[in-house]
Amino acid sequence: MSRMKRIYDWFEQRLQIEGPVREAVLHKVPRNTASWWYVFGSAAFTLLILQVVTGILLALVYVPSAAQAWESLNVLNHQIPLGWFLRAVHAWGSNFMVAVVFIHMAQVFLFGAYKFPRELTWTVGVFLLLLTLGMAFSGQVLRFDQDAYWGLGIGVFIMARVPLIGGQLVHLLLGGPIIAGATLSRFFTLHVFIIPGTLLFLAAVHIWMVLKLGVNEWPMPGRVVHRETYIAEYNKLAHDDGIPFVPGAFWKDLVFSGAVLAAVFVCALVLGPSGPGGQPDPSIIQTVPKPDFPFLWIYSVLSFLPPSLETPFILIAPIAMIAGLLAVPFVASEGEKSWHRRPVAVLALTTVAVAWAVFTHLGMYTPWSPHMNAWSGDPIPVRYLREATPLVRQGAVIFESKQCRNCHQIGGHGGERGPALDDIATRMTPDQMRFKVVTGGGNMPAFGKNLSPPEIEALVAFLETLHPANEPPAADAAQRAIETGGGAPPPVGGHSY
């Protein structure tokens, strides 16, 4: 023991942390705050630590590339011992963290804990909520299965509707005009470094303010907050009827946090991890992606809105909700804290909670096909279809329905992932086109399993028409020689092909 004491004294002499720690654990809080209503903040911080630890372990295996992300998750699920359980703990920890943070915010609002002098504490809490949702969304993207791919596609199409800067925001988020390897790298950086780092910093600031300003007292009817007298009244209450935070209130935090962790582990063990589902394939557009649990209510609301109101709702509602949350402590910084004398606050909270629960429930069943203004929605220019045969027109329809223009430009409009196709017929023969369509290669997905042979022939017939008027299409040299009567070409280098 004497040796341990010497080691402890050596570190304490240099770090000098005993004083601040003693002050933090023994500071007095009002006796009535040692309640089960006050445990959600500690549970949220515990879940944040769980997410950081499990996220670090997952990052040791996960490969943030379009070619290997999906496969690395399957390696975790099926090849690494307890890898599936680690993924499940991380996924369920995310769901629990979002739920606990929402409950904590509702409890703080109901108890009036945002009032003077805790306005900044509430403001930091709002940003912690937004960052928690950002963690949940970026984590869904990193699954990079079919649902994640198209869910991200819908998300960026929504972002593209922002006036003036929508296109720049999409490029910034995706690392280009399309979902590709750079997209996963950026979301990996967000999910593993930027958001968790900011969360930990703001959580530390939040806890610091709670320690310095004290835990909000139990709201009693008639106990009104006045800027001039509140701090003196709170200090007197904590002195006259206070107990040390440890162990007086801490044991309930500890028990509840342990119960939440146990619930996460049970859900992980029984229900397993989330996905990954089908491998992401941009050629499969007959899909109805659903977001993860925290965002189902948005999905449901949009499903019931007419297309003409989608954009106004998407652009206005989130900004209005965030601005409203940030304005709460500055609009009502004084007055009653007790919910018994704040009927408007109780009604507002109840309305929001019921609406959120209803729309989340409906989101599990409601199909939504959002109206998106993508390149694939633009009609093929008329000049490509003048005097076209029925087969060529059918190929144009297939070209449109499979969203080929999301990756290829035609007529000056389209994606930049693949080459422009205005002169494709001068660069590739029909057989080469068929082979490329069927097998894919590079960034291009294989359509062999998604198109029937007649559809492939129709698509190739359309692609054969894409060449400048004064330039003939490409043709196989051997076939051309046979058709012109010139016989087969001589072998090259003494060998016949």
Protein backbone atom coordinates (compact mmCIF):
# COMPACT_ATOMS: atom_id res chain seq x y z
CA MET A 1 0.00 0.00 0.00
CA SER A 2 2.85 2.37 0.79
CA ARG A 3 4.30 1.76 -2.67
CA MET A 4 0.91 2.47 -4.30
CA LYS A 5 0.61 5.60 -2.16
CA ARG A 6 4.02 6.79 -3.32
CA ILE A 7 3.06 6.20 -6.95
CA TYR A 8 -0.24 8.02 -6.43
CA ASP A 9 1.51 10.95 -4.73
CA TRP A 10 4.04 11.14 -7.58
CA PHE A 11 1.29 11.52 -10.18
CA GLU A 12 -0.85 13.78 -7.98
CA GLN A 13 2.06 16.14 -7.38
CA ARG A 14 2.39 16.61 -11.12
CA LEU A 15 -1.25 16.42 -12.29
CA GLN A 16 -3.01 17.92 -9.25
CA ILE A 17 -6.41 16.51 -10.14
CA GLU A 18 -7.51 15.37 -6.68
CA GLY A 19 -8.91 18.78 -5.79
CA PRO A 20 -11.13 19.21 -8.89
CA VAL A 21 -12.30 15.59 -8.71
CA ARG A 22 -13.12 15.89 -5.00
CA GLU A 23 -15.02 19.12 -5.67
CA ALA A 24 -16.98 17.47 -8.51
CA VAL A 25 -18.01 14.33 -6.65
CA LEU A 26 -18.76 15.99 -3.30
CA HIS A 27 -20.49 19.15 -4.50
CA LYS A 28 -23.93 19.50 -2.99
CA VAL A 29 -27.11 19.20 -4.99
CA PRO A 30 -30.67 19.81 -3.76
CA ARG A 31 -31.94 16.66 -2.05
CA ASN A 32 -34.99 16.39 -4.29
CA THR A 33 -32.80 16.17 -7.41
CA ALA A 34 -31.67 12.72 -6.30
CA SER A 35 -34.54 11.37 -8.40
CA TRP A 36 -34.95 8.84 -11.18
CA TRP A 37 -36.08 11.76 -13.39
CA TYR A 38 -32.52 13.09 -13.39
CA VAL A 39 -30.68 10.03 -14.70
CA PHE A 40 -31.05 10.46 -18.46
CA GLY A 41 -28.13 12.84 -18.96
CA SER A 42 -25.68 10.43 -17.33
CA ALA A 43 -27.10 7.54 -19.37
CA ALA A 44 -26.64 9.52 -22.60
CA PHE A 45 -22.99 10.18 -21.75
CA THR A 46 -22.48 6.50 -20.90
CA LEU A 47 -23.90 5.50 -24.28
CA LEU A 48 -21.63 8.03 -25.99
CA ILE A 49 -18.59 6.36 -24.40
CA LEU A 50 -19.94 2.97 -25.49
CA GLN A 51 -20.28 4.23 -29.07
CA VAL A 52 -16.75 5.60 -29.08
CA VAL A 53 -15.24 2.36 -27.76
CA THR A 54 -17.18 0.03 -30.08
CA GLY A 55 -16.64 2.42 -33.01
CA ILE A 56 -12.86 2.29 -32.53
CA LEU A 57 -12.97 -1.52 -32.54
CA LEU A 58 -15.12 -1.60 -35.68
CA ALA A 59 -12.81 0.86 -37.44
CA LEU A 60 -9.98 -1.66 -37.12
CA VAL A 61 -11.77 -3.91 -39.62
CA TYR A 62 -14.08 -1.65 -41.63
CA VAL A 63 -12.77 -0.54 -45.04
CA PRO A 64 -14.31 2.78 -46.15
CA SER A 65 -14.27 2.11 -49.89
CA ALA A 66 -17.11 1.48 -52.31
CA ALA A 67 -15.56 -1.82 -53.36
CA GLN A 68 -14.86 -3.25 -49.89
CA ALA A 69 -17.18 -1.61 -47.34
CA TRP A 70 -20.04 -4.07 -47.82
CA GLU A 71 -17.70 -7.05 -47.79
CA SER A 72 -15.89 -5.87 -44.64
CA LEU A 73 -19.19 -5.81 -42.76
CA ASN A 74 -19.89 -9.37 -43.85
CA VAL A 75 -16.43 -10.34 -42.63
CA LEU A 76 -17.37 -8.88 -39.24
CA ASN A 77 -20.70 -10.71 -39.29
CA HIS A 78 -19.46 -14.14 -40.31
CA GLN A 79 -15.69 -14.53 -39.98
CA ILE A 80 -14.48 -12.62 -36.93
CA PRO A 81 -15.48 -14.15 -33.57
CA LEU A 82 -18.19 -12.00 -31.97
CA GLY A 83 -17.81 -9.47 -34.76
CA TRP A 84 -21.57 -9.61 -35.31
CA PHE A 85 -22.13 -8.89 -31.62
CA LEU A 86 -19.80 -5.89 -31.72
CA ARG A 87 -21.73 -4.52 -34.70
CA ALA A 88 -25.02 -5.19 -32.95
CA VAL A 89 -23.91 -3.40 -29.76
CA HIS A 90 -22.82 -0.39 -31.81
CA ALA A 91 -26.08 -0.28 -33.79
CA TRP A 92 -28.37 -0.72 -30.79
CA GLY A 93 -26.25 1.69 -28.78
CA SER A 94 -26.95 4.29 -31.44
CA ASN A 95 -30.71 3.73 -31.25
CA PHE A 96 -30.70 3.86 -27.46
CA MET A 97 -28.54 6.98 -27.44
CA VAL A 98 -30.92 8.85 -29.76
CA ALA A 99 -33.91 7.78 -27.63
CA VAL A 100 -32.25 8.70 -24.31
CA VAL A 101 -31.10 12.11 -25.62
CA PHE A 102 -34.63 12.88 -26.81
CA ILE A 103 -36.07 11.85 -23.43
CA HIS A 104 -33.44 13.93 -21.63
CA MET A 105 -34.30 17.00 -23.74
CA ALA A 106 -38.02 16.48 -23.06
CA GLN A 107 -37.38 16.15 -19.30
CA VAL A 108 -35.24 19.30 -19.26
CA PHE A 109 -37.95 21.20 -21.15
CA LEU A 110 -40.72 19.90 -18.90
CA PHE A 111 -38.78 20.80 -15.74
CA GLY A 112 -37.89 24.29 -17.01
CA ALA A 113 -34.19 23.53 -16.61
CA TYR A 114 -33.40 25.76 -19.61
CA LYS A 115 -34.24 28.94 -17.68
CA PHE A 116 -31.72 31.37 -16.20
CA PRO A 117 -28.82 30.80 -15.71
CA ARG A 118 -28.81 27.59 -17.77
CA GLU A 119 -29.61 29.04 -21.22
CA LEU A 120 -26.21 28.09 -22.62
CA THR A 121 -26.48 24.60 -21.13
CA TRP A 122 -29.71 24.09 -23.11
CA THR A 123 -28.15 25.54 -26.28
CA VAL A 124 -25.20 23.16 -26.08
CA GLY A 125 -27.69 20.33 -25.48
CA VAL A 126 -29.53 21.19 -28.72
CA PHE A 127 -26.27 20.88 -30.65
CA LEU A 128 -25.53 17.60 -28.88
CA LEU A 129 -28.92 16.33 -30.08
CA LEU A 130 -28.19 17.38 -33.68
CA LEU A 131 -24.75 15.76 -33.56
CA THR A 132 -26.29 12.56 -32.17
CA LEU A 133 -28.67 12.47 -35.15
CA GLY A 134 -25.71 13.14 -37.43
CA MET A 135 -23.91 10.15 -35.93
CA ALA A 136 -26.96 7.97 -36.54
CA PHE A 137 -27.33 9.05 -40.19
CA SER A 138 -23.65 8.76 -41.06
CA GLY A 139 -23.55 5.32 -39.44
CA GLN A 140 -26.43 4.18 -41.64
CA VAL A 141 -24.54 5.35 -44.74
CA LEU A 142 -21.46 3.36 -43.73
CA ARG A 143 -23.46 0.12 -43.93
CA PHE A 144 -23.44 0.81 -47.68
CA ASP A 145 -26.09 -1.74 -48.54
CA GLN A 146 -28.96 -1.17 -50.95
CA ASP A 147 -31.05 0.73 -48.40
CA ALA A 148 -28.11 2.89 -47.32
CA TYR A 149 -27.17 3.65 -50.94
CA TRP A 150 -30.61 4.81 -51.98
CA GLY A 151 -31.30 6.44 -48.62
CA LEU A 152 -28.19 8.56 -49.13
CA GLY A 153 -29.29 9.23 -52.70
CA ILE A 154 -32.61 10.59 -51.45
CA GLY A 155 -30.80 12.61 -48.79
CA VAL A 156 -28.49 14.32 -51.25
CA PHE A 157 -31.31 14.96 -53.72
CA ILE A 158 -33.10 16.68 -50.84
CA MET A 159 -29.97 18.71 -50.11
CA ALA A 160 -29.72 19.62 -53.79
CA ARG A 161 -32.98 21.55 -53.44
CA VAL A 162 -31.34 24.20 -51.25
CA PRO A 163 -31.41 27.39 -53.36
CA LEU A 164 -28.16 28.70 -54.83
CA ILE A 165 -25.78 26.40 -52.93
CA GLY A 166 -27.52 23.02 -53.27
CA GLY A 167 -25.11 21.73 -55.91
CA GLN A 168 -22.05 22.80 -53.95
CA LEU A 169 -23.39 21.12 -50.81
CA VAL A 170 -23.90 17.86 -52.70
CA HIS A 171 -20.34 17.96 -54.09
CA LEU A 172 -18.97 18.77 -50.63
CA LEU A 173 -20.81 15.89 -48.98
CA LEU A 174 -20.27 13.27 -51.68
CA GLY A 175 -16.82 14.31 -52.83
CA GLY A 176 -18.20 14.71 -56.36
CA PRO A 177 -21.47 14.59 -58.28
CA ILE A 178 -22.21 10.92 -57.54
CA ILE A 179 -22.05 8.37 -54.71
CA ALA A 180 -18.63 6.74 -55.00
CA GLY A 181 -15.54 5.84 -53.01
CA ALA A 182 -14.92 9.45 -52.00
CA THR A 183 -18.39 9.54 -50.47
CA LEU A 184 -17.63 6.73 -48.04
CA SER A 185 -14.27 8.28 -47.14
CA ARG A 186 -16.00 11.53 -46.22
CA PHE A 187 -18.75 9.88 -44.21
CA PHE A 188 -16.17 7.69 -42.47
CA THR A 189 -14.24 10.80 -41.48
CA LEU A 190 -17.44 12.45 -40.26
CA HIS A 191 -18.61 9.40 -38.33
CA VAL A 192 -15.31 8.38 -36.77
CA PHE A 193 -13.45 11.66 -36.21
CA ILE A 194 -15.35 14.92 -36.68
CA ILE A 195 -18.75 14.19 -35.10
CA PRO A 196 -17.50 12.07 -32.15
CA GLY A 197 -14.74 14.58 -31.41
CA THR A 198 -17.21 17.46 -31.41
CA LEU A 199 -19.65 15.42 -29.33
CA LEU A 200 -17.04 14.65 -26.69
CA PHE A 201 -15.95 18.29 -26.53
CA LEU A 202 -19.49 19.66 -26.23
CA ALA A 203 -20.41 16.93 -23.73
CA ALA A 204 -17.45 18.00 -21.58
CA VAL A 205 -18.59 21.64 -21.81
CA HIS A 206 -22.14 20.56 -20.95
CA ILE A 207 -20.99 18.61 -17.87
CA TRP A 208 -18.73 21.50 -16.79
CA MET A 209 -21.68 23.91 -16.84
CA VAL A 210 -23.85 21.44 -14.91
CA LEU A 211 -21.14 21.22 -12.24
CA LYS A 212 -20.65 24.98 -12.04
CA LEU A 213 -24.32 26.03 -12.21
CA GLY A 214 -25.67 23.08 -10.25
CA VAL A 215 -28.26 20.45 -11.07
CA ASN A 216 -31.66 22.00 -11.68
CA GLU A 217 -33.81 21.81 -8.55
CA TRP A 218 -37.13 19.98 -8.50
CA PRO A 219 -39.71 22.39 -9.98
CA MET A 220 -42.15 23.46 -7.27
CA PRO A 221 -45.31 25.47 -8.03
CA GLY A 222 -44.82 29.05 -6.94
CA ARG A 223 -41.01 28.89 -7.00
CA VAL A 224 -40.44 31.52 -9.70
CA VAL A 225 -37.12 32.24 -11.44
CA HIS A 226 -35.94 35.85 -11.24
CA ARG A 227 -32.54 36.83 -12.59
CA GLU A 228 -31.79 39.04 -9.59
CA THR A 229 -32.44 36.45 -6.91
CA TYR A 230 -32.30 32.94 -8.42
CA ILE A 231 -28.59 32.14 -7.89
CA ALA A 232 -28.70 33.16 -4.23
CA GLU A 233 -31.90 31.16 -3.70
CA TYR A 234 -30.41 28.07 -5.37
CA ASN A 235 -27.20 28.23 -3.33
CA LYS A 236 -29.22 28.56 -0.12
CA LEU A 237 -31.38 25.55 -1.10
CA ALA A 238 -28.31 23.43 -1.88
CA HIS A 239 -26.66 24.45 1.39
CA ASP A 240 -29.69 24.00 3.64
CA ASP A 241 -31.23 20.92 2.03
CA GLY A 242 -28.41 19.51 -0.08
CA ILE A 243 -26.58 16.21 -0.26
CA PRO A 244 -23.23 15.29 -1.85
CA PHE A 245 -23.62 14.26 -5.46
CA VAL A 246 -21.63 11.11 -4.67
CA PRO A 247 -23.13 8.92 -3.36
CA GLY A 248 -26.43 10.75 -2.78
CA ALA A 249 -27.50 11.12 -6.42
CA PHE A 250 -24.78 9.26 -8.26
CA TRP A 251 -25.94 5.77 -7.33
CA LYS A 252 -29.18 6.21 -9.26
CA ASP A 253 -27.24 7.42 -12.30
CA LEU A 254 -25.01 4.38 -11.98
CA VAL A 255 -27.90 1.92 -11.67
CA PHE A 256 -29.86 3.40 -14.56
CA SER A 257 -26.81 3.59 -16.85
CA GLY A 258 -26.05 -0.05 -16.03
CA ALA A 259 -29.64 -1.02 -16.85
CA VAL A 260 -29.45 0.81 -20.18
CA LEU A 261 -26.18 -0.92 -21.08
CA ALA A 262 -27.73 -4.27 -20.14
CA ALA A 263 -30.71 -3.51 -22.40
CA VAL A 264 -28.33 -2.67 -25.27
CA PHE A 265 -26.46 -5.94 -24.82
CA VAL A 266 -29.70 -7.96 -24.63
CA CYS A 267 -31.05 -6.36 -27.83
CA ALA A 268 -27.71 -6.98 -29.53
CA LEU A 269 -27.65 -10.59 -28.44
CA VAL A 270 -31.28 -11.36 -29.33
CA LEU A 271 -31.92 -9.15 -32.37
CA GLY A 272 -28.42 -8.93 -33.85
CA PRO A 273 -26.86 -6.21 -36.00
CA SER A 274 -28.49 -4.06 -38.67
CA GLY A 275 -27.66 -5.48 -42.10
CA PRO A 276 -25.94 -5.18 -44.33
CA GLY A 277 -28.76 -5.98 -46.72
CA GLY A 278 -28.34 -6.39 -50.45
CA GLN A 279 -25.13 -5.15 -52.02
CA PRO A 280 -25.54 -1.59 -53.35
CA ASP A 281 -26.42 -1.63 -57.04
CA PRO A 282 -27.38 1.64 -58.76
CA SER A 283 -28.99 -0.33 -61.57
CA ILE A 284 -31.72 -1.65 -59.25
CA ILE A 285 -34.08 1.29 -58.91
CA GLN A 286 -37.18 -0.74 -57.96
CA THR A 287 -36.45 -0.26 -54.26
CA VAL A 288 -38.20 1.46 -51.38
CA PRO A 289 -35.42 2.49 -49.00
CA LYS A 290 -36.37 3.23 -45.42
CA PRO A 291 -34.21 5.28 -43.07
CA ASP A 292 -33.22 4.07 -39.64
CA PHE A 293 -35.46 4.51 -36.60
CA PRO A 294 -34.61 8.17 -35.74
CA PHE A 295 -35.62 9.41 -39.20
CA LEU A 296 -38.73 7.35 -39.90
CA TRP A 297 -41.02 10.23 -38.93
CA ILE A 298 -39.56 12.45 -41.68
CA TYR A 299 -40.05 9.64 -44.18
CA SER A 300 -43.67 9.27 -43.09
CA VAL A 301 -44.47 12.99 -43.21
CA LEU A 302 -43.06 13.28 -46.73
CA SER A 303 -45.12 10.28 -47.86
CA PHE A 304 -48.33 12.11 -46.99
CA LEU A 305 -47.34 15.47 -48.48
CA PRO A 306 -48.15 16.22 -52.12
CA PRO A 307 -45.00 16.53 -54.26
CA SER A 308 -45.45 20.28 -54.58
CA LEU A 309 -45.06 20.70 -50.80
CA GLU A 310 -42.05 18.42 -50.33
CA THR A 311 -39.45 21.04 -51.13
CA PRO A 312 -40.97 23.80 -48.93
CA PHE A 313 -41.30 21.35 -46.03
CA ILE A 314 -37.75 20.05 -46.41
CA LEU A 315 -36.24 23.54 -46.63
CA ILE A 316 -38.36 25.29 -43.99
CA ALA A 317 -39.39 22.75 -41.32
CA PRO A 318 -35.91 21.67 -40.09
CA ILE A 319 -34.66 25.26 -39.86
CA ALA A 320 -37.82 26.34 -38.05
CA MET A 321 -37.59 23.45 -35.55
CA ILE A 322 -33.91 24.07 -34.77
CA ALA A 323 -34.48 27.82 -34.45
CA GLY A 324 -37.42 27.18 -32.13
CA LEU A 325 -35.36 24.92 -29.87
CA LEU A 326 -32.53 27.45 -29.70
CA ALA A 327 -34.95 30.29 -28.95
CA VAL A 328 -36.71 28.55 -26.02
CA PRO A 329 -34.38 29.66 -23.18
CA PHE A 330 -34.22 33.24 -24.44
CA VAL A 331 -37.97 33.62 -24.94
CA ALA A 332 -38.86 32.12 -21.53
CA SER A 333 -35.77 32.53 -19.36
CA GLU A 334 -37.73 33.55 -16.26
CA GLY A 335 -40.96 32.54 -14.53
CA GLU A 336 -42.45 29.27 -13.37
CA LYS A 337 -40.61 25.97 -13.79
CA SER A 338 -43.34 23.65 -12.57
CA TRP A 339 -45.29 21.92 -15.34
CA HIS A 340 -48.42 22.36 -13.20
CA ARG A 341 -48.37 26.05 -14.07
CA ARG A 342 -47.05 25.82 -17.64
CA PRO A 343 -49.96 24.31 -19.60
CA VAL A 344 -48.73 25.65 -22.94
CA ALA A 345 -45.36 23.92 -22.51
CA VAL A 346 -47.04 20.65 -21.49
CA LEU A 347 -49.43 20.81 -24.45
CA ALA A 348 -46.59 21.57 -26.88
CA LEU A 349 -44.46 18.70 -25.58
CA THR A 350 -47.40 16.27 -25.64
CA THR A 351 -48.32 17.27 -29.19
CA VAL A 352 -44.78 16.82 -30.44
CA ALA A 353 -44.39 13.46 -28.68
CA VAL A 354 -47.71 12.06 -29.98
CA ALA A 355 -47.06 13.32 -33.53
CA TRP A 356 -43.56 11.86 -33.51
CA ALA A 357 -44.80 8.48 -32.24
CA VAL A 358 -47.64 8.33 -34.80
CA PHE A 359 -45.49 9.30 -37.77
CA THR A 360 -42.70 6.96 -36.69
CA HIS A 361 -45.20 4.09 -36.51
CA LEU A 362 -46.65 4.98 -39.92
CA GLY A 363 -43.15 5.23 -41.37
CA MET A 364 -42.71 1.49 -40.83
CA TYR A 365 -45.48 0.78 -43.32
CA THR A 366 -45.87 3.80 -45.58
CA PRO A 367 -44.25 3.65 -49.02
CA TRP A 368 -42.74 6.87 -50.23
CA SER A 369 -41.60 7.62 -53.75
CA PRO A 370 -40.23 11.17 -53.59
CA HIS A 371 -40.36 13.43 -56.63
CA MET A 372 -36.73 13.99 -57.52
CA ASN A 373 -35.39 16.24 -60.26
CA ALA A 374 -32.41 14.12 -61.26
CA TRP A 375 -30.77 14.01 -64.69
CA SER A 376 -32.48 10.71 -65.28
CA GLY A 377 -35.79 12.54 -65.07
CA ASP A 378 -34.96 14.80 -68.02
CA PRO A 379 -36.30 13.51 -71.33
CA ILE A 380 -33.80 12.30 -73.92
CA PRO A 381 -33.27 15.12 -76.47
CA VAL A 382 -35.56 14.82 -79.48
CA ARG A 383 -32.68 14.89 -81.96
CA TYR A 384 -31.61 11.44 -80.76
CA LEU A 385 -34.99 9.92 -81.58
CA ARG A 386 -35.92 11.46 -84.94
CA GLU A 387 -36.65 8.71 -87.46
CA ALA A 388 -35.80 6.14 -84.79
CA THR A 389 -37.09 2.60 -85.20
CA PRO A 390 -39.39 1.09 -82.56
CA LEU A 391 -36.43 -0.97 -81.28
CA VAL A 392 -34.31 2.17 -80.84
CA ARG A 393 -37.17 3.94 -79.04
CA GLN A 394 -37.55 0.96 -76.71
CA GLY A 395 -33.81 1.14 -75.99
CA ALA A 396 -34.17 4.85 -75.16
CA VAL A 397 -36.92 4.00 -72.66
CA ILE A 398 -34.65 1.41 -71.01
CA PHE A 399 -31.77 3.90 -70.99
CA GLU A 400 -34.06 6.33 -69.17
CA SER A 401 -35.64 3.87 -66.73
CA LYS A 402 -32.29 2.45 -65.58
CA GLN A 403 -31.03 5.96 -64.80
CA CYS A 404 -27.98 5.64 -67.04
CA ARG A 405 -27.72 9.43 -67.15
CA ASN A 406 -26.93 9.56 -63.45
CA CYS A 407 -23.45 8.41 -64.49
CA HIS A 408 -23.23 9.30 -68.20
CA GLN A 409 -23.82 12.57 -69.99
CA ILE A 410 -25.92 12.72 -73.12
CA GLY A 411 -26.81 15.94 -74.83
CA GLY A 412 -24.66 17.85 -72.34
CA HIS A 413 -26.63 16.73 -69.28
CA GLY A 414 -25.84 13.88 -66.91
CA GLY A 415 -23.38 12.54 -64.41
CA GLU A 416 -19.61 12.59 -64.57
CA ARG A 417 -18.86 9.16 -63.18
CA GLY A 418 -18.67 7.56 -66.62
CA PRO A 419 -17.75 8.92 -70.07
CA ALA A 420 -20.22 10.94 -72.14
CA LEU A 421 -22.15 8.75 -74.56
CA ASP A 422 -22.86 11.19 -77.42
CA ASP A 423 -20.22 9.45 -79.57
CA ILE A 424 -20.17 6.01 -77.95
CA ALA A 425 -20.99 4.32 -81.27
CA THR A 426 -17.71 5.61 -82.77
CA ARG A 427 -15.66 4.10 -79.93
CA MET A 428 -17.28 0.73 -79.37
CA THR A 429 -18.76 -1.92 -81.64
CA PRO A 430 -22.20 -3.39 -80.85
CA ASP A 431 -20.57 -6.53 -79.46
CA GLN A 432 -18.34 -4.47 -77.20
CA MET A 433 -21.38 -2.55 -75.99
CA ARG A 434 -23.26 -5.76 -75.21
CA PHE A 435 -20.28 -7.10 -73.29
CA LYS A 436 -19.91 -3.90 -71.28
CA VAL A 437 -23.63 -3.71 -70.45
CA VAL A 438 -23.76 -7.35 -69.36
CA THR A 439 -20.52 -7.59 -67.38
CA GLY A 440 -19.93 -4.01 -66.28
CA GLY A 441 -16.43 -3.14 -65.11
CA GLY A 442 -14.66 -0.28 -63.41
CA ASN A 443 -17.31 1.94 -61.85
CA MET A 444 -20.08 0.54 -64.03
CA PRO A 445 -22.42 -2.07 -62.52
CA ALA A 446 -23.21 -5.27 -64.42
CA PHE A 447 -26.72 -5.26 -65.91
CA GLY A 448 -26.65 -8.89 -67.04
CA LYS A 449 -28.99 -9.96 -64.23
CA ASN A 450 -31.19 -6.88 -64.39
CA LEU A 451 -31.94 -6.77 -68.12
CA SER A 452 -33.41 -9.46 -70.32
CA PRO A 453 -31.70 -10.30 -73.65
CA PRO A 454 -34.35 -8.40 -75.66
CA GLU A 455 -33.86 -5.36 -73.40
CA ILE A 456 -30.10 -5.53 -73.89
CA GLU A 457 -30.56 -5.68 -77.66
CA ALA A 458 -32.89 -2.67 -77.57
CA LEU A 459 -30.46 -0.70 -75.40
CA VAL A 460 -27.53 -1.51 -77.71
CA ALA A 461 -29.65 -0.52 -80.74
CA PHE A 462 -30.18 2.89 -79.15
CA LEU A 463 -26.49 3.25 -78.26
CA GLU A 464 -25.56 2.42 -81.89
CA THR A 465 -27.31 5.62 -82.97
CA LEU A 466 -25.13 7.82 -80.74
CA HIS A 467 -22.49 9.14 -83.12
CA PRO A 468 -21.90 12.40 -85.01
CA ALA A 469 -23.76 12.64 -88.30
CA ASN A 470 -20.58 12.93 -90.35
CA GLU A 471 -18.79 10.05 -88.65
CA PRO A 472 -19.65 6.39 -89.23
CA PRO A 473 -20.15 4.05 -86.26
CA ALA A 474 -17.42 1.66 -85.19
CA ALA A 475 -17.50 -1.83 -86.66
CA ASP A 476 -15.57 -5.04 -86.25
CA ALA A 477 -12.72 -5.02 -88.81
CA ALA A 478 -12.97 -8.74 -89.60
CA GLN A 479 -16.74 -8.55 -90.09
CA ARG A 480 -16.38 -5.48 -92.33
CA ALA A 481 -13.74 -7.21 -94.46
CA ILE A 482 -15.99 -10.24 -94.94
CA GLU A 483 -19.00 -8.07 -95.83
CA THR A 484 -16.97 -6.14 -98.46
CA GLY A 485 -15.52 -9.30 -99.98
CA GLY A 486 -11.98 -8.62 -98.87
CA GLY A 487 -11.66 -11.84 -96.90
CA ALA A 488 -10.30 -12.14 -93.41
CA PRO A 489 -7.49 -9.80 -92.33
CA PRO A 490 -3.96 -11.23 -92.26
CA PRO A 491 -2.75 -12.61 -88.95
CA VAL A 492 -0.69 -10.31 -86.79
CA GLY A 493 2.77 -11.42 -85.72
CA GLY A 494 2.30 -14.86 -87.30
CA HIS A 495 -0.71 -15.71 -85.10
CA SER A 496 -4.37 -15.75 -86.02
CA TYR A 497 -6.93 -14.32 -83.61
